[in-house]
PDB file of N, CA and C in Angstrom:
ATOM      1  N   MET A   1     160.903-107.290 239.875  1.00  0.00           N
ATOM      2  CA  MET A   1     160.042-106.340 240.551  1.00  0.00           C
ATOM      3  C   MET A   1     160.385-104.936 240.086  1.00  0.00           C
ATOM      4  N   PRO A   2     159.352-104.132 239.834  1.00  0.00           N
ATOM      5  CA  PRO A   2     159.615-102.766 239.420  1.00  0.00           C
ATOM      6  C   PRO A   2     160.249-101.978 240.557  1.00  0.00           C
ATOM      7  N   GLY A   3     161.190-101.117 240.199  1.00  0.00           N
ATOM      8  CA  GLY A   3     161.815-100.246 241.184  1.00  0.00           C
ATOM      9  C   GLY A   3     163.027-100.857 241.876  1.00  0.00           C
ATOM     10  N   ILE A   4     163.266-102.153 241.683  1.00  0.00           N
ATOM     11  CA  ILE A   4     164.438-102.769 242.285  1.00  0.00           C
ATOM     12  C   ILE A   4     165.463-103.011 241.187  1.00  0.00           C
ATOM     13  N   GLU A   5     166.625-102.405 241.368  1.00  0.00           N
ATOM     14  CA  GLU A   5     167.681-102.575 240.380  1.00  0.00           C
ATOM     15  C   GLU A   5     168.526-103.792 240.730  1.00  0.00           C
ATOM     16  N   LYS A   6     168.940-104.466 239.705  1.00  0.00           N
ATOM     17  CA  LYS A   6     169.847-105.583 239.922  1.00  0.00           C
ATOM     18  C   LYS A   6     171.238-105.001 240.138  1.00  0.00           C
ATOM     19  N   LEU A   7     171.781-105.214 241.320  1.00  0.00           N
ATOM     20  CA  LEU A   7     173.044-104.605 241.684  1.00  0.00           C
ATOM     21  C   LEU A   7     174.261-105.381 241.203  1.00  0.00           C
ATOM     22  N   GLY A   8     174.116-106.614 240.948  1.00  0.00           N
ATOM     23  CA  GLY A   8     175.262-107.409 240.524  1.00  0.00           C
ATOM     24  C   GLY A   8     175.152-108.830 241.019  1.00  0.00           C
ATOM     25  N   LYS A   9     176.293-109.450 241.099  1.00  0.00           N
ATOM     26  CA  LYS A   9     176.353-110.869 241.414  1.00  0.00           C
ATOM     27  C   LYS A   9     177.320-111.073 242.586  1.00  0.00           C
ATOM     28  N   ILE A  10     176.983-111.968 243.465  1.00  0.00           N
ATOM     29  CA  ILE A  10     177.856-112.302 244.592  1.00  0.00           C
ATOM     30  C   ILE A  10     178.371-113.719 244.373  1.00  0.00           C
ATOM     31  N   GLU A  11     179.677-113.867 244.405  1.00  0.00           N
ATOM     32  CA  GLU A  11     180.289-115.181 244.273  1.00  0.00           C
ATOM     33  C   GLU A  11     181.099-115.470 245.519  1.00  0.00           C
ATOM     34  N   VAL A  12     181.001-116.685 245.985  1.00  0.00           N
ATOM     35  CA  VAL A  12     181.771-117.122 247.139  1.00  0.00           C
ATOM     36  C   VAL A  12     182.757-118.176 246.647  1.00  0.00           C
ATOM     37  N   SER A  13     184.037-117.955 246.903  1.00  0.00           N
ATOM     38  CA  SER A  13     185.059-118.879 246.409  1.00  0.00           C
ATOM     39  C   SER A  13     184.990-120.216 247.132  1.00  0.00           C
ATOM     40  N   GLN A  14     185.490-121.236 246.474  1.00  0.00           N
ATOM     41  CA  GLN A  14     185.531-122.560 247.084  1.00  0.00           C
ATOM     42  C   GLN A  14     186.427-122.547 248.322  1.00  0.00           C
ATOM     43  N   ARG A  15     187.471-121.730 248.301  1.00  0.00           N
ATOM     44  CA  ARG A  15     188.362-121.635 249.468  1.00  0.00           C
ATOM     45  C   ARG A  15     187.632-121.022 250.667  1.00  0.00           C
ATOM     46  N   ALA A  16     186.765-120.046 250.415  1.00  0.00           N
ATOM     47  CA  ALA A  16     185.985-119.444 251.502  1.00  0.00           C
ATOM     48  C   ALA A  16     185.025-120.470 252.097  1.00  0.00           C
ATOM     49  N   ILE A  17     184.390-121.256 251.239  1.00  0.00           N
ATOM     50  CA  ILE A  17     183.490-122.311 251.713  1.00  0.00           C
ATOM     51  C   ILE A  17     184.286-123.334 252.519  1.00  0.00           C
ATOM     52  N   ALA A  18     185.472-123.685 252.046  1.00  0.00           N
ATOM     53  CA  ALA A  18     186.325-124.641 252.757  1.00  0.00           C
ATOM     54  C   ALA A  18     186.700-124.115 254.135  1.00  0.00           C
ATOM     55  N   SER A  19     186.958-122.841 254.226  1.00  0.00           N
ATOM     56  CA  SER A  19     187.321-122.228 255.503  1.00  0.00           C
ATOM     57  C   SER A  19     186.161-122.288 256.491  1.00  0.00           C
ATOM     58  N   ILE A  20     184.954-122.002 256.022  1.00  0.00           N
ATOM     59  CA  ILE A  20     183.753-122.083 256.864  1.00  0.00           C
ATOM     60  C   ILE A  20     183.553-123.521 257.335  1.00  0.00           C
ATOM     61  N   ALA A  21     183.699-124.464 256.408  1.00  0.00           N
ATOM     62  CA  ALA A  21     183.511-125.880 256.738  1.00  0.00           C
ATOM     63  C   ALA A  21     184.553-126.357 257.750  1.00  0.00           C
ATOM     64  N   ALA A  22     185.812-125.991 257.548  1.00  0.00           N
ATOM     65  CA  ALA A  22     186.883-126.415 258.459  1.00  0.00           C
ATOM     66  C   ALA A  22     186.642-125.884 259.863  1.00  0.00           C
ATOM     67  N   ASP A  23     186.200-124.647 259.963  1.00  0.00           N
ATOM     68  CA  ASP A  23     185.913-124.060 261.276  1.00  0.00           C
ATOM     69  C   ASP A  23     184.792-124.842 261.969  1.00  0.00           C
ATOM     70  N   ALA A  24     183.766-125.208 261.217  1.00  0.00           N
ATOM     71  CA  ALA A  24     182.653-125.981 261.786  1.00  0.00           C
ATOM     72  C   ALA A  24     183.119-127.368 262.233  1.00  0.00           C
ATOM     73  N   VAL A  25     183.989-127.990 261.452  1.00  0.00           N
ATOM     74  CA  VAL A  25     184.507-129.315 261.815  1.00  0.00           C
ATOM     75  C   VAL A  25     185.253-129.241 263.139  1.00  0.00           C
ATOM     76  N   LEU A  26     186.114-128.240 263.275  1.00  0.00           N
ATOM     77  CA  LEU A  26     186.946-128.140 264.470  1.00  0.00           C
ATOM     78  C   LEU A  26     186.145-127.842 265.731  1.00  0.00           C
ATOM     79  N   ARG A  27     184.923-127.343 265.572  1.00  0.00           N
ATOM     80  CA  ARG A  27     184.048-127.101 266.721  1.00  0.00           C
ATOM     81  C   ARG A  27     183.207-128.335 267.060  1.00  0.00           C
ATOM     82  N   SER A  28     183.321-129.377 266.272  1.00  0.00           N
ATOM     83  CA  SER A  28     182.515-130.582 266.463  1.00  0.00           C
ATOM     84  C   SER A  28     183.135-131.513 267.503  1.00  0.00           C
ATOM     85  N   TYR A  29     182.264-132.151 268.271  1.00  0.00           N
ATOM     86  CA  TYR A  29     182.692-133.114 269.292  1.00  0.00           C
ATOM     87  C   TYR A  29     183.396-134.294 268.643  1.00  0.00           C
ATOM     88  N   GLY A  30     184.499-134.725 269.243  1.00  0.00           N
ATOM     89  CA  GLY A  30     185.190-135.923 268.805  1.00  0.00           C
ATOM     90  C   GLY A  30     186.224-135.714 267.725  1.00  0.00           C
ATOM     91  N   VAL A  31     186.430-134.474 267.304  1.00  0.00           N
ATOM     92  CA  VAL A  31     187.392-134.190 266.247  1.00  0.00           C
ATOM     93  C   VAL A  31     188.725-133.773 266.874  1.00  0.00           C
ATOM     94  N   VAL A  32     189.796-134.458 266.465  1.00  0.00           N
ATOM     95  CA  VAL A  32     191.138-134.098 266.923  1.00  0.00           C
ATOM     96  C   VAL A  32     191.709-133.028 265.993  1.00  0.00           C
ATOM     97  N   GLY A  33     191.429-133.136 264.697  1.00  0.00           N
ATOM     98  CA  GLY A  33     191.921-132.158 263.740  1.00  0.00           C
ATOM     99  C   GLY A  33     191.549-132.523 262.323  1.00  0.00           C
ATOM    100  N   MET A  34     191.977-131.669 261.418  1.00  0.00           N
ATOM    101  CA  MET A  34     191.770-131.911 259.990  1.00  0.00           C
ATOM    102  C   MET A  34     193.009-132.612 259.451  1.00  0.00           C
ATOM    103  N   ALA A  35     192.823-133.447 258.445  1.00  0.00           N
ATOM    104  CA  ALA A  35     193.931-134.157 257.811  1.00  0.00           C
ATOM    105  C   ALA A  35     194.025-133.734 256.357  1.00  0.00           C
ATOM    106  N   SER A  36     195.177-133.919 255.793  1.00  0.00           N
ATOM    107  CA  SER A  36     195.375-133.601 254.390  1.00  0.00           C
ATOM    108  C   SER A  36     194.508-134.517 253.531  1.00  0.00           C
ATOM    109  N   VAL A  37     194.116-134.012 252.386  1.00  0.00           N
ATOM    110  CA  VAL A  37     193.324-134.793 251.444  1.00  0.00           C
ATOM    111  C   VAL A  37     194.100-136.051 251.035  1.00  0.00           C
ATOM    112  N   ARG A  38     195.419-135.911 250.933  1.00  0.00           N
ATOM    113  CA  ARG A  38     196.261-137.053 250.565  1.00  0.00           C
ATOM    114  C   ARG A  38     196.957-137.611 251.802  1.00  0.00           C
ATOM    115  N   LEU A  39     196.890-138.914 251.961  1.00  0.00           N
ATOM    116  CA  LEU A  39     197.611-139.565 253.050  1.00  0.00           C
ATOM    117  C   LEU A  39     199.094-139.606 252.697  1.00  0.00           C
ATOM    118  N   LYS A  40     199.937-139.358 253.677  1.00  0.00           N
ATOM    119  CA  LYS A  40     201.382-139.389 253.473  1.00  0.00           C
ATOM    120  C   LYS A  40     201.908-140.691 254.064  1.00  0.00           C
ATOM    121  N   ASP A  41     202.427-141.573 253.218  1.00  0.00           N
ATOM    122  CA  ASP A  41     202.924-142.878 253.658  1.00  0.00           C
ATOM    123  C   ASP A  41     201.869-143.665 254.423  1.00  0.00           C
ATOM    124  N   GLY A  42     200.599-143.477 254.075  1.00  0.00           N
ATOM    125  CA  GLY A  42     199.513-144.193 254.721  1.00  0.00           C
ATOM    126  C   GLY A  42     199.145-143.664 256.090  1.00  0.00           C
ATOM    127  N   LEU A  43     199.753-142.545 256.496  1.00  0.00           N
ATOM    128  CA  LEU A  43     199.472-141.954 257.802  1.00  0.00           C
ATOM    129  C   LEU A  43     198.785-140.611 257.647  1.00  0.00           C
ATOM    130  N   ALA A  44     197.817-140.355 258.507  1.00  0.00           N
ATOM    131  CA  ALA A  44     197.117-139.077 258.491  1.00  0.00           C
ATOM    132  C   ALA A  44     197.906-138.065 259.308  1.00  0.00           C
ATOM    133  N   GLU A  45     198.282-136.988 258.669  1.00  0.00           N
ATOM    134  CA  GLU A  45     198.999-135.916 259.352  1.00  0.00           C
ATOM    135  C   GLU A  45     197.994-134.821 259.702  1.00  0.00           C
ATOM    136  N   ILE A  46     197.960-134.436 260.977  1.00  0.00           N
ATOM    137  CA  ILE A  46     197.039-133.377 261.402  1.00  0.00           C
ATOM    138  C   ILE A  46     197.593-132.044 260.933  1.00  0.00           C
ATOM    139  N   LEU A  47     196.750-131.280 260.266  1.00  0.00           N
ATOM    140  CA  LEU A  47     197.161-129.992 259.711  1.00  0.00           C
ATOM    141  C   LEU A  47     197.216-128.917 260.790  1.00  0.00           C
ATOM    142  N   ARG A  48     198.142-127.972 260.609  1.00  0.00           N
ATOM    143  CA  ARG A  48     198.210-126.824 261.523  1.00  0.00           C
ATOM    144  C   ARG A  48     196.984-125.952 261.316  1.00  0.00           C
ATOM    145  N   ARG A  49     196.687-125.137 262.310  1.00  0.00           N
ATOM    146  CA  ARG A  49     195.485-124.291 262.316  1.00  0.00           C
ATOM    147  C   ARG A  49     195.331-123.482 261.017  1.00  0.00           C
ATOM    148  N   GLU A  50     196.405-122.885 260.537  1.00  0.00           N
ATOM    149  CA  GLU A  50     196.323-122.039 259.340  1.00  0.00           C
ATOM    150  C   GLU A  50     196.191-122.835 258.042  1.00  0.00           C
ATOM    151  N   GLN A  51     196.287-124.159 258.124  1.00  0.00           N
ATOM    152  CA  GLN A  51     196.169-125.010 256.937  1.00  0.00           C
ATOM    153  C   GLN A  51     194.882-125.825 256.922  1.00  0.00           C
ATOM    154  N   GLN A  52     193.996-125.588 257.876  1.00  0.00           N
ATOM    155  CA  GLN A  52     192.820-126.444 258.045  1.00  0.00           C
ATOM    156  C   GLN A  52     191.987-126.587 256.776  1.00  0.00           C
ATOM    157  N   ASP A  53     191.897-125.535 255.968  1.00  0.00           N
ATOM    158  CA  ASP A  53     191.058-125.634 254.771  1.00  0.00           C
ATOM    159  C   ASP A  53     191.627-126.608 253.739  1.00  0.00           C
ATOM    160  N   ARG A  54     192.863-127.065 253.920  1.00  0.00           N
ATOM    161  CA  ARG A  54     193.440-128.069 253.022  1.00  0.00           C
ATOM    162  C   ARG A  54     192.867-129.465 253.284  1.00  0.00           C
ATOM    163  N   GLY A  55     192.137-129.595 254.366  1.00  0.00           N
ATOM    164  CA  GLY A  55     191.478-130.858 254.674  1.00  0.00           C
ATOM    165  C   GLY A  55     190.044-130.886 254.169  1.00  0.00           C
ATOM    166  N   VAL A  56     189.723-129.923 253.297  1.00  0.00           N
ATOM    167  CA  VAL A  56     188.367-129.808 252.758  1.00  0.00           C
ATOM    168  C   VAL A  56     188.455-129.672 251.245  1.00  0.00           C
ATOM    169  N   ALA A  57     187.638-130.436 250.537  1.00  0.00           N
ATOM    170  CA  ALA A  57     187.522-130.303 249.086  1.00  0.00           C
ATOM    171  C   ALA A  57     186.090-129.878 248.786  1.00  0.00           C
ATOM    172  N   VAL A  58     185.953-128.780 248.062  1.00  0.00           N
ATOM    173  CA  VAL A  58     184.627-128.244 247.733  1.00  0.00           C
ATOM    174  C   VAL A  58     184.442-128.286 246.221  1.00  0.00           C
ATOM    175  N   SER A  59     183.283-128.763 245.801  1.00  0.00           N
ATOM    176  CA  SER A  59     182.951-128.684 244.375  1.00  0.00           C
ATOM    177  C   SER A  59     181.555-128.093 244.237  1.00  0.00           C
ATOM    178  N   VAL A  60     181.413-127.267 243.231  1.00  0.00           N
ATOM    179  CA  VAL A  60     180.123-126.641 242.945  1.00  0.00           C
ATOM    180  C   VAL A  60     179.778-126.975 241.504  1.00  0.00           C
ATOM    181  N   LYS A  61     178.662-127.677 241.337  1.00  0.00           N
ATOM    182  CA  LYS A  61     178.238-128.069 239.988  1.00  0.00           C
ATOM    183  C   LYS A  61     176.735-127.886 239.889  1.00  0.00           C
ATOM    184  N   ASP A  62     176.313-127.201 238.869  1.00  0.00           N
ATOM    185  CA  ASP A  62     174.889-126.950 238.639  1.00  0.00           C
ATOM    186  C   ASP A  62     174.215-126.329 239.860  1.00  0.00           C
ATOM    187  N   GLY A  63     174.932-125.428 240.535  1.00  0.00           N
ATOM    188  CA  GLY A  63     174.377-124.733 241.681  1.00  0.00           C
ATOM    189  C   GLY A  63     174.331-125.540 242.963  1.00  0.00           C
ATOM    190  N   GLU A  64     174.876-126.761 242.940  1.00  0.00           N
ATOM    191  CA  GLU A  64     174.902-127.603 244.136  1.00  0.00           C
ATOM    192  C   GLU A  64     176.307-127.634 244.719  1.00  0.00           C
ATOM    193  N   VAL A  65     176.386-127.531 246.034  1.00  0.00           N
ATOM    194  CA  VAL A  65     177.663-127.570 246.732  1.00  0.00           C
ATOM    195  C   VAL A  65     177.849-128.964 247.328  1.00  0.00           C
ATOM    196  N   VAL A  66     179.004-129.556 247.046  1.00  0.00           N
ATOM    197  CA  VAL A  66     179.375-130.846 247.626  1.00  0.00           C
ATOM    198  C   VAL A  66     180.684-130.631 248.369  1.00  0.00           C
ATOM    199  N   ILE A  67     180.716-131.073 249.626  1.00  0.00           N
ATOM    200  CA  ILE A  67     181.884-130.864 250.475  1.00  0.00           C
ATOM    201  C   ILE A  67     182.429-132.210 250.924  1.00  0.00           C
ATOM    202  N   ASP A  68     183.730-132.418 250.700  1.00  0.00           N
ATOM    203  CA  ASP A  68     184.425-133.605 251.183  1.00  0.00           C
ATOM    204  C   ASP A  68     185.361-133.170 252.297  1.00  0.00           C
ATOM    205  N   LEU A  69     185.235-133.805 253.452  1.00  0.00           N
ATOM    206  CA  LEU A  69     186.034-133.459 254.625  1.00  0.00           C
ATOM    207  C   LEU A  69     186.973-134.610 254.960  1.00  0.00           C
ATOM    208  N   TYR A  70     188.172-134.267 255.386  1.00  0.00           N
ATOM    209  CA  TYR A  70     189.178-135.255 255.766  1.00  0.00           C
ATOM    210  C   TYR A  70     189.577-134.953 257.205  1.00  0.00           C
ATOM    211  N   VAL A  71     189.192-135.845 258.114  1.00  0.00           N
ATOM    212  CA  VAL A  71     189.330-135.560 259.539  1.00  0.00           C
ATOM    213  C   VAL A  71     190.053-136.679 260.283  1.00  0.00           C
ATOM    214  N   VAL A  72     190.570-136.300 261.446  1.00  0.00           N
ATOM    215  CA  VAL A  72     191.119-137.262 262.391  1.00  0.00           C
ATOM    216  C   VAL A  72     190.213-137.196 263.610  1.00  0.00           C
ATOM    217  N   VAL A  73     189.698-138.348 264.005  1.00  0.00           N
ATOM    218  CA  VAL A  73     188.714-138.437 265.071  1.00  0.00           C
ATOM    219  C   VAL A  73     189.382-138.967 266.343  1.00  0.00           C
ATOM    220  N   GLU A  74     188.840-138.550 267.468  1.00  0.00           N
ATOM    221  CA  GLU A  74     189.379-138.980 268.752  1.00  0.00           C
ATOM    222  C   GLU A  74     189.130-140.465 268.978  1.00  0.00           C
ATOM    223  N   TYR A  75     190.189-141.158 269.361  1.00  0.00           N
ATOM    224  CA  TYR A  75     190.104-142.580 269.663  1.00  0.00           C
ATOM    225  C   TYR A  75     189.130-142.795 270.825  1.00  0.00           C
ATOM    226  N   GLY A  76     188.283-143.786 270.699  1.00  0.00           N
ATOM    227  CA  GLY A  76     187.339-144.110 271.768  1.00  0.00           C
ATOM    228  C   GLY A  76     185.953-143.511 271.561  1.00  0.00           C
ATOM    229  N   THR A  77     185.808-142.641 270.575  1.00  0.00           N
ATOM    230  CA  THR A  77     184.483-142.088 270.284  1.00  0.00           C
ATOM    231  C   THR A  77     183.785-143.002 269.288  1.00  0.00           C
ATOM    232  N   ARG A  78     182.487-142.843 269.182  1.00  0.00           N
ATOM    233  CA  ARG A  78     181.716-143.617 268.199  1.00  0.00           C
ATOM    234  C   ARG A  78     181.867-142.895 266.858  1.00  0.00           C
ATOM    235  N   VAL A  79     182.677-143.451 265.985  1.00  0.00           N
ATOM    236  CA  VAL A  79     183.062-142.797 264.725  1.00  0.00           C
ATOM    237  C   VAL A  79     181.842-142.442 263.876  1.00  0.00           C
ATOM    238  N   SER A  80     180.868-143.327 263.796  1.00  0.00           N
ATOM    239  CA  SER A  80     179.691-143.052 262.975  1.00  0.00           C
ATOM    240  C   SER A  80     178.912-141.844 263.504  1.00  0.00           C
ATOM    241  N   GLU A  81     178.794-141.732 264.818  1.00  0.00           N
ATOM    242  CA  GLU A  81     178.085-140.587 265.410  1.00  0.00           C
ATOM    243  C   GLU A  81     178.861-139.294 265.210  1.00  0.00           C
ATOM    244  N   VAL A  82     180.177-139.352 265.390  1.00  0.00           N
ATOM    245  CA  VAL A  82     181.014-138.165 265.178  1.00  0.00           C
ATOM    246  C   VAL A  82     180.889-137.718 263.722  1.00  0.00           C
ATOM    247  N   GLY A  83     180.951-138.661 262.796  1.00  0.00           N
ATOM    248  CA  GLY A  83     180.828-138.336 261.374  1.00  0.00           C
ATOM    249  C   GLY A  83     179.486-137.714 261.029  1.00  0.00           C
ATOM    250  N   ARG A  84     178.421-138.265 261.572  1.00  0.00           N
ATOM    251  CA  ARG A  84     177.080-137.724 261.329  1.00  0.00           C
ATOM    252  C   ARG A  84     176.958-136.304 261.898  1.00  0.00           C
ATOM    253  N   ASN A  85     177.497-136.107 263.095  1.00  0.00           N
ATOM    254  CA  ASN A  85     177.468-134.789 263.732  1.00  0.00           C
ATOM    255  C   ASN A  85     178.261-133.767 262.912  1.00  0.00           C
ATOM    256  N   ILE A  86     179.433-134.173 262.421  1.00  0.00           N
ATOM    257  CA  ILE A  86     180.253-133.285 261.593  1.00  0.00           C
ATOM    258  C   ILE A  86     179.481-132.873 260.344  1.00  0.00           C
ATOM    259  N   ALA A  87     178.886-133.843 259.666  1.00  0.00           N
ATOM    260  CA  ALA A  87     178.155-133.563 258.418  1.00  0.00           C
ATOM    261  C   ALA A  87     177.013-132.578 258.656  1.00  0.00           C
ATOM    262  N   GLN A  88     176.252-132.779 259.723  1.00  0.00           N
ATOM    263  CA  GLN A  88     175.131-131.876 260.024  1.00  0.00           C
ATOM    264  C   GLN A  88     175.624-130.475 260.389  1.00  0.00           C
ATOM    265  N   THR A  89     176.677-130.405 261.202  1.00  0.00           N
ATOM    266  CA  THR A  89     177.220-129.120 261.630  1.00  0.00           C
ATOM    267  C   THR A  89     177.754-128.325 260.447  1.00  0.00           C
ATOM    268  N   VAL A  90     178.493-128.993 259.574  1.00  0.00           N
ATOM    269  CA  VAL A  90     179.067-128.322 258.404  1.00  0.00           C
ATOM    270  C   VAL A  90     177.969-127.865 257.453  1.00  0.00           C
ATOM    271  N   LYS A  91     177.002-128.722 257.182  1.00  0.00           N
ATOM    272  CA  LYS A  91     175.895-128.359 256.286  1.00  0.00           C
ATOM    273  C   LYS A  91     175.189-127.117 256.799  1.00  0.00           C
ATOM    274  N   PHE A  92     174.862-127.090 258.082  1.00  0.00           N
ATOM    275  CA  PHE A  92     174.175-125.949 258.683  1.00  0.00           C
ATOM    276  C   PHE A  92     175.028-124.683 258.596  1.00  0.00           C
ATOM    277  N   ALA A  93     176.302-124.782 258.965  1.00  0.00           N
ATOM    278  CA  ALA A  93     177.186-123.602 258.987  1.00  0.00           C
ATOM    279  C   ALA A  93     177.374-123.002 257.594  1.00  0.00           C
ATOM    280  N   VAL A  94     177.594-123.852 256.606  1.00  0.00           N
ATOM    281  CA  VAL A  94     177.818-123.358 255.241  1.00  0.00           C
ATOM    282  C   VAL A  94     176.539-122.768 254.660  1.00  0.00           C
ATOM    283  N   GLU A  95     175.419-123.459 254.828  1.00  0.00           N
ATOM    284  CA  GLU A  95     174.156-122.930 254.296  1.00  0.00           C
ATOM    285  C   GLU A  95     173.804-121.597 254.944  1.00  0.00           C
ATOM    286  N   ARG A  96     174.028-121.488 256.241  1.00  0.00           N
ATOM    287  CA  ARG A  96     173.739-120.236 256.949  1.00  0.00           C
ATOM    288  C   ARG A  96     174.648-119.105 256.481  1.00  0.00           C
ATOM    289  N   ALA A  97     175.908-119.419 256.232  1.00  0.00           N
ATOM    290  CA  ALA A  97     176.876-118.394 255.854  1.00  0.00           C
ATOM    291  C   ALA A  97     176.716-117.909 254.410  1.00  0.00           C
ATOM    292  N   ILE A  98     176.451-118.829 253.484  1.00  0.00           N
ATOM    293  CA  ILE A  98     176.424-118.416 252.073  1.00  0.00           C
ATOM    294  C   ILE A  98     175.040-118.423 251.450  1.00  0.00           C
ATOM    295  N   GLY A  99     174.050-119.000 252.138  1.00  0.00           N
ATOM    296  CA  GLY A  99     172.687-118.977 251.627  1.00  0.00           C
ATOM    297  C   GLY A  99     172.445-119.866 250.423  1.00  0.00           C
ATOM    298  N   VAL A 100     173.298-120.866 250.234  1.00  0.00           N
ATOM    299  CA  VAL A 100     173.151-121.806 249.124  1.00  0.00           C
ATOM    300  C   VAL A 100     173.037-123.207 249.713  1.00  0.00           C
ATOM    301  N   PRO A 101     172.088-124.015 249.227  1.00  0.00           N
ATOM    302  CA  PRO A 101     171.938-125.361 249.780  1.00  0.00           C
ATOM    303  C   PRO A 101     173.166-126.235 249.523  1.00  0.00           C
ATOM    304  N   VAL A 102     173.525-127.022 250.514  1.00  0.00           N
ATOM    305  CA  VAL A 102     174.616-127.988 250.392  1.00  0.00           C
ATOM    306  C   VAL A 102     173.974-129.332 250.063  1.00  0.00           C
ATOM    307  N   ALA A 103     174.324-129.878 248.918  1.00  0.00           N
ATOM    308  CA  ALA A 103     173.719-131.128 248.459  1.00  0.00           C
ATOM    309  C   ALA A 103     174.229-132.329 249.250  1.00  0.00           C
ATOM    310  N   ARG A 104     175.544-132.312 249.565  1.00  0.00           N
ATOM    311  CA  ARG A 104     176.125-133.474 250.223  1.00  0.00           C
ATOM    312  C   ARG A 104     177.367-133.074 251.001  1.00  0.00           C
ATOM    313  N   VAL A 105     177.558-133.703 252.158  1.00  0.00           N
ATOM    314  CA  VAL A 105     178.783-133.555 252.941  1.00  0.00           C
ATOM    315  C   VAL A 105     179.319-134.963 253.173  1.00  0.00           C
ATOM    316  N   ASN A 106     180.498-135.248 252.630  1.00  0.00           N
ATOM    317  CA  ASN A 106     181.140-136.553 252.783  1.00  0.00           C
ATOM    318  C   ASN A 106     182.253-136.431 253.816  1.00  0.00           C
ATOM    319  N   VAL A 107     182.183-137.247 254.855  1.00  0.00           N
ATOM    320  CA  VAL A 107     183.184-137.211 255.917  1.00  0.00           C
ATOM    321  C   VAL A 107     184.103-138.420 255.752  1.00  0.00           C
ATOM    322  N   ASN A 108     185.383-138.141 255.521  1.00  0.00           N
ATOM    323  CA  ASN A 108     186.387-139.186 255.366  1.00  0.00           C
ATOM    324  C   ASN A 108     187.272-139.195 256.610  1.00  0.00           C
ATOM    325  N   VAL A 109     187.162-140.246 257.399  1.00  0.00           N
ATOM    326  CA  VAL A 109     187.972-140.342 258.613  1.00  0.00           C
ATOM    327  C   VAL A 109     189.331-140.912 258.210  1.00  0.00           C
ATOM    328  N   GLN A 110     190.365-140.086 258.324  1.00  0.00           N
ATOM    329  CA  GLN A 110     191.710-140.464 257.895  1.00  0.00           C
ATOM    330  C   GLN A 110     192.497-141.168 259.001  1.00  0.00           C
ATOM    331  N   GLY A 111     192.022-141.059 260.232  1.00  0.00           N
ATOM    332  CA  GLY A 111     192.724-141.721 261.312  1.00  0.00           C
ATOM    333  C   GLY A 111     192.049-141.484 262.645  1.00  0.00           C
ATOM    334  N   LEU A 112     192.532-142.219 263.642  1.00  0.00           N
ATOM    335  CA  LEU A 112     192.047-142.070 265.024  1.00  0.00           C
ATOM    336  C   LEU A 112     193.252-141.716 265.881  1.00  0.00           C
ATOM    337  N   ARG A 113     193.066-140.770 266.776  1.00  0.00           N
ATOM    338  CA  ARG A 113     194.154-140.348 267.669  1.00  0.00           C
ATOM    339  C   ARG A 113     193.600-140.060 269.049  1.00  0.00           C
ATOM    340  N   VAL A 114     194.483-140.180 270.024  1.00  0.00           N
ATOM    341  CA  VAL A 114     194.137-139.752 271.371  1.00  0.00           C
ATOM    342  C   VAL A 114     194.276-138.239 271.384  1.00  0.00           C
ATOM    343  N   SER A 115     193.261-137.548 271.865  1.00  0.00           N
ATOM    344  CA  SER A 115     193.240-136.092 271.867  1.00  0.00           C
ATOM    345  C   SER A 115     194.260-135.527 272.849  1.00  0.00           C
ATOM    346  N   ASP A 116     194.819-134.357 272.503  1.00  0.00           N
ATOM    347  CA  ASP A 116     195.742-133.641 273.391  1.00  0.00           C
ATOM    348  C   ASP A 116     194.989-132.803 274.395  1.00  0.00           C
ATOM    349  N   ARG A 117     193.673-132.668 274.203  1.00  0.00           N
ATOM    350  CA  ARG A 117     192.855-131.830 275.090  1.00  0.00           C
ATOM    351  C   ARG A 117     192.752-132.464 276.466  1.00  0.00           C
ATOM    352  N   ALA A 118     192.768-131.621 277.475  1.00  0.00           N
ATOM    353  CA  ALA A 118     192.669-132.146 278.849  1.00  0.00           C
ATOM    354  C   ALA A 118     191.238-132.150 279.303  1.00  0.00           C
TER     355      ALA A 118
END
């Protein structure tokens, strides 16, 4: 368009996207916490609050964002429903925050735990 100068380029790091996604996961019903991408001795370790983005793997290829989440779900919840809710919540939050479509959100349930919440 005439009269509009191109000001530059905006890039959002994969770590920033992971942080947005982790925050959305933790606000989702049925989630006890985020787990590490790698299982330790076959057990899912819940990450501390400041490490939550380590439970998220983000890849960007050909302008498409793919997010892999590693979560621990509350025992007694319907895992499939919790997973579907997480995927929708994360997709919405990331797309709203960065303005780029999310092609896929993969939810990997690393374990089930009884929640500490009262």
